[in-house]
Amino acid sequence: MKKQRDPDRYIGSVLSIDLEQLWRAGFRLLAVDVDNTLCRRGESTLPDDIQRWLQSAHKVGLAIALISNTVIP
């Protein structure tokens, strides 16, 4: 049995996600990995285009949960 949290597609870049389409489809929350998804491994700041994407998600009404398994000493 497939669990709901299992991915059903691969997206090459979060920038290609149609945020308004997700909203219309009923999504209200996106859980996004930070490491190697929103920023390169080892970097601590988000690129400008990713920051704009997050702002766009917020304007559409989507909540964003940022997830990371990076340990900060």
PDB file of N, CA and C in Angstrom:
ATOM      1  N   MET A   1       0.846  -1.175   0.000  1.00  0.00           N
ATOM      2  CA  MET A   1       0.000   0.000   0.000  1.00  0.00           C
ATOM      3  C   MET A   1       0.897   1.246   0.000  1.00  0.00           C
ATOM      4  N   LYS A   2       0.620   2.154  -0.904  1.00  0.00           N
ATOM      5  CA  LYS A   2       1.378   3.389  -0.997  1.00  0.00           C
ATOM      6  C   LYS A   2       0.918   4.361   0.085  1.00  0.00           C
ATOM      7  N   LYS A   3       1.907   4.958   0.765  1.00  0.00           N
ATOM      8  CA  LYS A   3       1.589   5.941   1.794  1.00  0.00           C
ATOM      9  C   LYS A   3       1.449   7.307   1.141  1.00  0.00           C
ATOM     10  N   GLN A   4       0.617   8.167   1.701  1.00  0.00           N
ATOM     11  CA  GLN A   4       0.376   9.487   1.128  1.00  0.00           C
ATOM     12  C   GLN A   4       1.629  10.337   1.085  1.00  0.00           C
ATOM     13  N   ARG A   5       2.565  10.149   1.984  1.00  0.00           N
ATOM     14  CA  ARG A   5       3.742  11.000   2.008  1.00  0.00           C
ATOM     15  C   ARG A   5       4.817  10.560   1.024  1.00  0.00           C
ATOM     16  N   ASP A   6       4.626   9.438   0.352  1.00  0.00           N
ATOM     17  CA  ASP A   6       5.580   8.994  -0.650  1.00  0.00           C
ATOM     18  C   ASP A   6       5.457   9.864  -1.892  1.00  0.00           C
ATOM     19  N   PRO A   7       6.591  10.298  -2.435  1.00  0.00           N
ATOM     20  CA  PRO A   7       6.526  11.137  -3.642  1.00  0.00           C
ATOM     21  C   PRO A   7       5.984  10.360  -4.839  1.00  0.00           C
ATOM     22  N   ASP A   8       5.242  11.052  -5.683  1.00  0.00           N
ATOM     23  CA  ASP A   8       4.727  10.415  -6.886  1.00  0.00           C
ATOM     24  C   ASP A   8       5.322  11.035  -8.150  1.00  0.00           C
ATOM     25  N   ARG A   9       6.265  11.979  -7.969  1.00  0.00           N
ATOM     26  CA  ARG A   9       6.937  12.570  -9.120  1.00  0.00           C
ATOM     27  C   ARG A   9       8.247  13.208  -8.688  1.00  0.00           C
ATOM     28  N   TYR A  10       9.102  13.445  -9.669  1.00  0.00           N
ATOM     29  CA  TYR A  10      10.377  14.092  -9.428  1.00  0.00           C
ATOM     30  C   TYR A  10      10.347  15.460 -10.092  1.00  0.00           C
ATOM     31  N   ILE A  11      10.749  16.480  -9.364  1.00  0.00           N
ATOM     32  CA  ILE A  11      10.820  17.841  -9.894  1.00  0.00           C
ATOM     33  C   ILE A  11      12.286  18.253  -9.869  1.00  0.00           C
ATOM     34  N   GLY A  12      12.833  18.668 -10.994  1.00  0.00           N
ATOM     35  CA  GLY A  12      14.242  19.020 -11.092  1.00  0.00           C
ATOM     36  C   GLY A  12      14.610  20.257 -10.295  1.00  0.00           C
ATOM     37  N   SER A  13      13.674  21.180 -10.135  1.00  0.00           N
ATOM     38  CA  SER A  13      13.927  22.415  -9.398  1.00  0.00           C
ATOM     39  C   SER A  13      12.616  22.909  -8.806  1.00  0.00           C
ATOM     40  N   VAL A  14      12.684  23.397  -7.580  1.00  0.00           N
ATOM     41  CA  VAL A  14      11.474  23.956  -6.977  1.00  0.00           C
ATOM     42  C   VAL A  14      10.955  25.132  -7.791  1.00  0.00           C
ATOM     43  N   LEU A  15      11.859  25.785  -8.529  1.00  0.00           N
ATOM     44  CA  LEU A  15      11.457  26.948  -9.325  1.00  0.00           C
ATOM     45  C   LEU A  15      10.479  26.577 -10.434  1.00  0.00           C
ATOM     46  N   SER A  16      10.438  25.309 -10.809  1.00  0.00           N
ATOM     47  CA  SER A  16       9.518  24.882 -11.868  1.00  0.00           C
ATOM     48  C   SER A  16       8.147  24.466 -11.332  1.00  0.00           C
ATOM     49  N   ILE A  17       7.957  24.529 -10.021  1.00  0.00           N
ATOM     50  CA  ILE A  17       6.671  24.152  -9.425  1.00  0.00           C
ATOM     51  C   ILE A  17       5.671  25.290  -9.620  1.00  0.00           C
ATOM     52  N   ASP A  18       4.516  24.957 -10.163  1.00  0.00           N
ATOM     53  CA  ASP A  18       3.443  25.934 -10.355  1.00  0.00           C
ATOM     54  C   ASP A  18       2.686  26.079  -9.037  1.00  0.00           C
ATOM     55  N   LEU A  19       3.015  27.109  -8.290  1.00  0.00           N
ATOM     56  CA  LEU A  19       2.454  27.300  -6.957  1.00  0.00           C
ATOM     57  C   LEU A  19       0.951  27.539  -6.984  1.00  0.00           C
ATOM     58  N   GLU A  20       0.477  28.298  -7.953  1.00  0.00           N
ATOM     59  CA  GLU A  20      -0.965  28.552  -8.052  1.00  0.00           C
ATOM     60  C   GLU A  20      -1.723  27.276  -8.374  1.00  0.00           C
ATOM     61  N   GLN A  21      -1.135  26.405  -9.185  1.00  0.00           N
ATOM     62  CA  GLN A  21      -1.776  25.128  -9.495  1.00  0.00           C
ATOM     63  C   GLN A  21      -1.879  24.261  -8.231  1.00  0.00           C
ATOM     64  N   LEU A  22      -0.826  24.274  -7.411  1.00  0.00           N
ATOM     65  CA  LEU A  22      -0.891  23.526  -6.154  1.00  0.00           C
ATOM     66  C   LEU A  22      -2.017  24.051  -5.265  1.00  0.00           C
ATOM     67  N   TRP A  23      -2.134  25.372  -5.185  1.00  0.00           N
ATOM     68  CA  TRP A  23      -3.195  25.976  -4.364  1.00  0.00           C
ATOM     69  C   TRP A  23      -4.573  25.551  -4.885  1.00  0.00           C
ATOM     70  N   ARG A  24      -4.767  25.633  -6.195  1.00  0.00           N
ATOM     71  CA  ARG A  24      -6.057  25.245  -6.776  1.00  0.00           C
ATOM     72  C   ARG A  24      -6.357  23.764  -6.551  1.00  0.00           C
ATOM     73  N   ALA A  25      -5.294  22.948  -6.463  1.00  0.00           N
ATOM     74  CA  ALA A  25      -5.477  21.512  -6.238  1.00  0.00           C
ATOM     75  C   ALA A  25      -5.738  21.179  -4.770  1.00  0.00           C
ATOM     76  N   GLY A  26      -5.713  22.208  -3.897  1.00  0.00           N
ATOM     77  CA  GLY A  26      -6.046  21.985  -2.502  1.00  0.00           C
ATOM     78  C   GLY A  26      -4.861  21.894  -1.558  1.00  0.00           C
ATOM     79  N   PHE A  27      -3.650  22.044  -2.083  1.00  0.00           N
ATOM     80  CA  PHE A  27      -2.481  22.018  -1.209  1.00  0.00           C
ATOM     81  C   PHE A  27      -2.411  23.321  -0.420  1.00  0.00           C
ATOM     82  N   ARG A  28      -2.033  23.209   0.850  1.00  0.00           N
ATOM     83  CA  ARG A  28      -1.897  24.395   1.685  1.00  0.00           C
ATOM     84  C   ARG A  28      -0.540  24.451   2.378  1.00  0.00           C
ATOM     85  N   LEU A  29       0.207  23.355   2.332  1.00  0.00           N
ATOM     86  CA  LEU A  29       1.502  23.269   2.984  1.00  0.00           C
ATOM     87  C   LEU A  29       2.480  22.529   2.081  1.00  0.00           C
ATOM     88  N   LEU A  30       3.676  23.094   1.935  1.00  0.00           N
ATOM     89  CA  LEU A  30       4.759  22.415   1.236  1.00  0.00           C
ATOM     90  C   LEU A  30       5.871  22.151   2.234  1.00  0.00           C
ATOM     91  N   ALA A  31       6.308  20.912   2.344  1.00  0.00           N
ATOM     92  CA  ALA A  31       7.466  20.554   3.160  1.00  0.00           C
ATOM     93  C   ALA A  31       8.645  20.438   2.201  1.00  0.00           C
ATOM     94  N   VAL A  32       9.654  21.299   2.400  1.00  0.00           N
ATOM     95  CA  VAL A  32      10.767  21.386   1.456  1.00  0.00           C
ATOM     96  C   VAL A  32      12.081  21.180   2.188  1.00  0.00           C
ATOM     97  N   ASP A  33      12.908  20.279   1.658  1.00  0.00           N
ATOM     98  CA  ASP A  33      14.236  20.054   2.199  1.00  0.00           C
ATOM     99  C   ASP A  33      15.136  21.233   1.850  1.00  0.00           C
ATOM    100  N   VAL A  34      15.930  21.675   2.796  1.00  0.00           N
ATOM    101  CA  VAL A  34      16.825  22.805   2.566  1.00  0.00           C
ATOM    102  C   VAL A  34      18.103  22.352   1.861  1.00  0.00           C
ATOM    103  N   ASP A  35      18.746  21.322   2.387  1.00  0.00           N
ATOM    104  CA  ASP A  35      20.051  20.871   1.913  1.00  0.00           C
ATOM    105  C   ASP A  35      19.969  20.233   0.525  1.00  0.00           C
ATOM    106  N   ASN A  36      20.670  20.825  -0.422  1.00  0.00           N
ATOM    107  CA  ASN A  36      20.701  20.357  -1.810  1.00  0.00           C
ATOM    108  C   ASN A  36      19.356  20.463  -2.514  1.00  0.00           C
ATOM    109  N   THR A  37      18.426  21.197  -1.937  1.00  0.00           N
ATOM    110  CA  THR A  37      17.158  21.481  -2.604  1.00  0.00           C
ATOM    111  C   THR A  37      16.989  22.981  -2.734  1.00  0.00           C
ATOM    112  N   LEU A  38      16.980  23.674  -1.612  1.00  0.00           N
ATOM    113  CA  LEU A  38      16.857  25.128  -1.654  1.00  0.00           C
ATOM    114  C   LEU A  38      18.216  25.820  -1.704  1.00  0.00           C
ATOM    115  N   CYS A  39      19.227  25.211  -1.132  1.00  0.00           N
ATOM    116  CA  CYS A  39      20.578  25.783  -1.230  1.00  0.00           C
ATOM    117  C   CYS A  39      21.593  24.649  -1.338  1.00  0.00           C
ATOM    118  N   ARG A  40      22.757  24.992  -1.816  1.00  0.00           N
ATOM    119  CA  ARG A  40      23.810  23.995  -1.970  1.00  0.00           C
ATOM    120  C   ARG A  40      24.297  23.524  -0.608  1.00  0.00           C
ATOM    121  N   ARG A  41      24.750  22.294  -0.593  1.00  0.00           N
ATOM    122  CA  ARG A  41      25.270  21.704   0.643  1.00  0.00           C
ATOM    123  C   ARG A  41      26.380  22.593   1.211  1.00  0.00           C
ATOM    124  N   GLY A  42      26.301  22.860   2.499  1.00  0.00           N
ATOM    125  CA  GLY A  42      27.316  23.642   3.171  1.00  0.00           C
ATOM    126  C   GLY A  42      27.087  25.145   3.143  1.00  0.00           C
ATOM    127  N   GLU A  43      26.130  25.609   2.341  1.00  0.00           N
ATOM    128  CA  GLU A  43      25.829  27.041   2.306  1.00  0.00           C
ATOM    129  C   GLU A  43      24.747  27.361   3.322  1.00  0.00           C
ATOM    130  N   SER A  44      24.809  28.568   3.856  1.00  0.00           N
ATOM    131  CA  SER A  44      23.851  28.931   4.902  1.00  0.00           C
ATOM    132  C   SER A  44      22.865  30.010   4.469  1.00  0.00           C
ATOM    133  N   THR A  45      22.975  30.485   3.238  1.00  0.00           N
ATOM    134  CA  THR A  45      22.025  31.495   2.748  1.00  0.00           C
ATOM    135  C   THR A  45      21.327  30.972   1.498  1.00  0.00           C
ATOM    136  N   LEU A  46      20.083  31.367   1.365  1.00  0.00           N
ATOM    137  CA  LEU A  46      19.304  30.952   0.202  1.00  0.00           C
ATOM    138  C   LEU A  46      19.604  31.874  -0.978  1.00  0.00           C
ATOM    139  N   PRO A  47      19.721  31.316  -2.175  1.00  0.00           N
ATOM    140  CA  PRO A  47      19.902  32.154  -3.362  1.00  0.00           C
ATOM    141  C   PRO A  47      18.699  33.080  -3.564  1.00  0.00           C
ATOM    142  N   ASP A  48      18.929  34.198  -4.247  1.00  0.00           N
ATOM    143  CA  ASP A  48      17.870  35.188  -4.467  1.00  0.00           C
ATOM    144  C   ASP A  48      16.648  34.602  -5.158  1.00  0.00           C
ATOM    145  N   ASP A  49      16.862  33.739  -6.176  1.00  0.00           N
ATOM    146  CA  ASP A  49      15.711  33.180  -6.892  1.00  0.00           C
ATOM    147  C   ASP A  49      14.877  32.276  -5.990  1.00  0.00           C
ATOM    148  N   ILE A  50      15.518  31.580  -5.068  1.00  0.00           N
ATOM    149  CA  ILE A  50      14.782  30.736  -4.115  1.00  0.00           C
ATOM    150  C   ILE A  50      14.025  31.611  -3.116  1.00  0.00           C
ATOM    151  N   GLN A  51      14.637  32.691  -2.670  1.00  0.00           N
ATOM    152  CA  GLN A  51      13.936  33.612  -1.768  1.00  0.00           C
ATOM    153  C   GLN A  51      12.690  34.182  -2.443  1.00  0.00           C
ATOM    154  N   ARG A  52      12.805  34.542  -3.721  1.00  0.00           N
ATOM    155  CA  ARG A  52      11.633  35.052  -4.461  1.00  0.00           C
ATOM    156  C   ARG A  52      10.570  33.967  -4.591  1.00  0.00           C
ATOM    157  N   TRP A  53      10.990  32.710  -4.811  1.00  0.00           N
ATOM    158  CA  TRP A  53      10.047  31.600  -4.930  1.00  0.00           C
ATOM    159  C   TRP A  53       9.286  31.413  -3.617  1.00  0.00           C
ATOM    160  N   LEU A  54      10.007  31.482  -2.500  1.00  0.00           N
ATOM    161  CA  LEU A  54       9.348  31.359  -1.192  1.00  0.00           C
ATOM    162  C   LEU A  54       8.368  32.497  -0.957  1.00  0.00           C
ATOM    163  N   GLN A  55       8.728  33.702  -1.370  1.00  0.00           N
ATOM    164  CA  GLN A  55       7.814  34.851  -1.242  1.00  0.00           C
ATOM    165  C   GLN A  55       6.575  34.638  -2.111  1.00  0.00           C
ATOM    166  N   SER A  56       6.763  34.090  -3.301  1.00  0.00           N
ATOM    167  CA  SER A  56       5.628  33.807  -4.183  1.00  0.00           C
ATOM    168  C   SER A  56       4.693  32.772  -3.560  1.00  0.00           C
ATOM    169  N   ALA A  57       5.274  31.753  -2.950  1.00  0.00           N
ATOM    170  CA  ALA A  57       4.459  30.731  -2.286  1.00  0.00           C
ATOM    171  C   ALA A  57       3.629  31.363  -1.174  1.00  0.00           C
ATOM    172  N   HIS A  58       4.237  32.253  -0.426  1.00  0.00           N
ATOM    173  CA  HIS A  58       3.533  32.942   0.653  1.00  0.00           C
ATOM    174  C   HIS A  58       2.391  33.800   0.091  1.00  0.00           C
ATOM    175  N   LYS A  59       2.633  34.502  -1.012  1.00  0.00           N
ATOM    176  CA  LYS A  59       1.599  35.355  -1.624  1.00  0.00           C
ATOM    177  C   LYS A  59       0.417  34.531  -2.122  1.00  0.00           C
ATOM    178  N   VAL A  60       0.699  33.317  -2.613  1.00  0.00           N
ATOM    179  CA  VAL A  60      -0.370  32.435  -3.075  1.00  0.00           C
ATOM    180  C   VAL A  60      -1.186  31.932  -1.895  1.00  0.00           C
ATOM    181  N   GLY A  61      -0.565  31.877  -0.711  1.00  0.00           N
ATOM    182  CA  GLY A  61      -1.256  31.398   0.475  1.00  0.00           C
ATOM    183  C   GLY A  61      -0.701  30.106   1.032  1.00  0.00           C
ATOM    184  N   LEU A  62       0.337  29.580   0.398  1.00  0.00           N
ATOM    185  CA  LEU A  62       0.919  28.322   0.836  1.00  0.00           C
ATOM    186  C   LEU A  62       1.826  28.539   2.050  1.00  0.00           C
ATOM    187  N   ALA A  63       1.739  27.634   2.988  1.00  0.00           N
ATOM    188  CA  ALA A  63       2.678  27.606   4.112  1.00  0.00           C
ATOM    189  C   ALA A  63       3.858  26.738   3.696  1.00  0.00           C
ATOM    190  N   ILE A  64       5.042  27.089   4.167  1.00  0.00           N
ATOM    191  CA  ILE A  64       6.242  26.343   3.833  1.00  0.00           C
ATOM    192  C   ILE A  64       6.870  25.813   5.108  1.00  0.00           C
ATOM    193  N   ALA A  65       7.143  24.520   5.151  1.00  0.00           N
ATOM    194  CA  ALA A  65       7.885  23.903   6.252  1.00  0.00           C
ATOM    195  C   ALA A  65       9.269  23.576   5.705  1.00  0.00           C
ATOM    196  N   LEU A  66      10.285  24.214   6.258  1.00  0.00           N
ATOM    197  CA  LEU A  66      11.661  23.965   5.853  1.00  0.00           C
ATOM    198  C   LEU A  66      12.226  22.823   6.686  1.00  0.00           C
ATOM    199  N   ILE A  67      12.799  21.845   6.018  1.00  0.00           N
ATOM    200  CA  ILE A  67      13.284  20.634   6.685  1.00  0.00           C
ATOM    201  C   ILE A  67      14.769  20.489   6.399  1.00  0.00           C
ATOM    202  N   SER A  68      15.535  20.120   7.433  1.00  0.00           N
ATOM    203  CA  SER A  68      16.965  19.906   7.264  1.00  0.00           C
ATOM    204  C   SER A  68      17.430  18.848   8.256  1.00  0.00           C
ATOM    205  N   ASN A  69      18.389  18.053   7.832  1.00  0.00           N
ATOM    206  CA  ASN A  69      19.006  17.111   8.759  1.00  0.00           C
ATOM    207  C   ASN A  69      20.435  17.559   9.087  1.00  0.00           C
ATOM    208  N   THR A  70      20.774  18.789   8.763  1.00  0.00           N
ATOM    209  CA  THR A  70      22.086  19.324   9.076  1.00  0.00           C
ATOM    210  C   THR A  70      22.194  19.574  10.569  1.00  0.00           C
ATOM    211  N   VAL A  71      23.289  19.123  11.141  1.00  0.00           N
ATOM    212  CA  VAL A  71      23.545  19.324  12.558  1.00  0.00           C
ATOM    213  C   VAL A  71      24.396  20.576  12.710  1.00  0.00           C
ATOM    214  N   ILE A  72      23.933  21.507  13.511  1.00  0.00           N
ATOM    215  CA  ILE A  72      24.682  22.735  13.777  1.00  0.00           C
ATOM    216  C   ILE A  72      25.406  22.544  15.109  1.00  0.00           C
ATOM    217  N   PRO A  73      26.745  22.597  15.072  1.00  0.00           N
ATOM    218  CA  PRO A  73      27.496  22.355  16.319  1.00  0.00           C
ATOM    219  C   PRO A  73      27.289  23.464  17.337  1.00  0.00           C
TER     220      PRO A  73
END
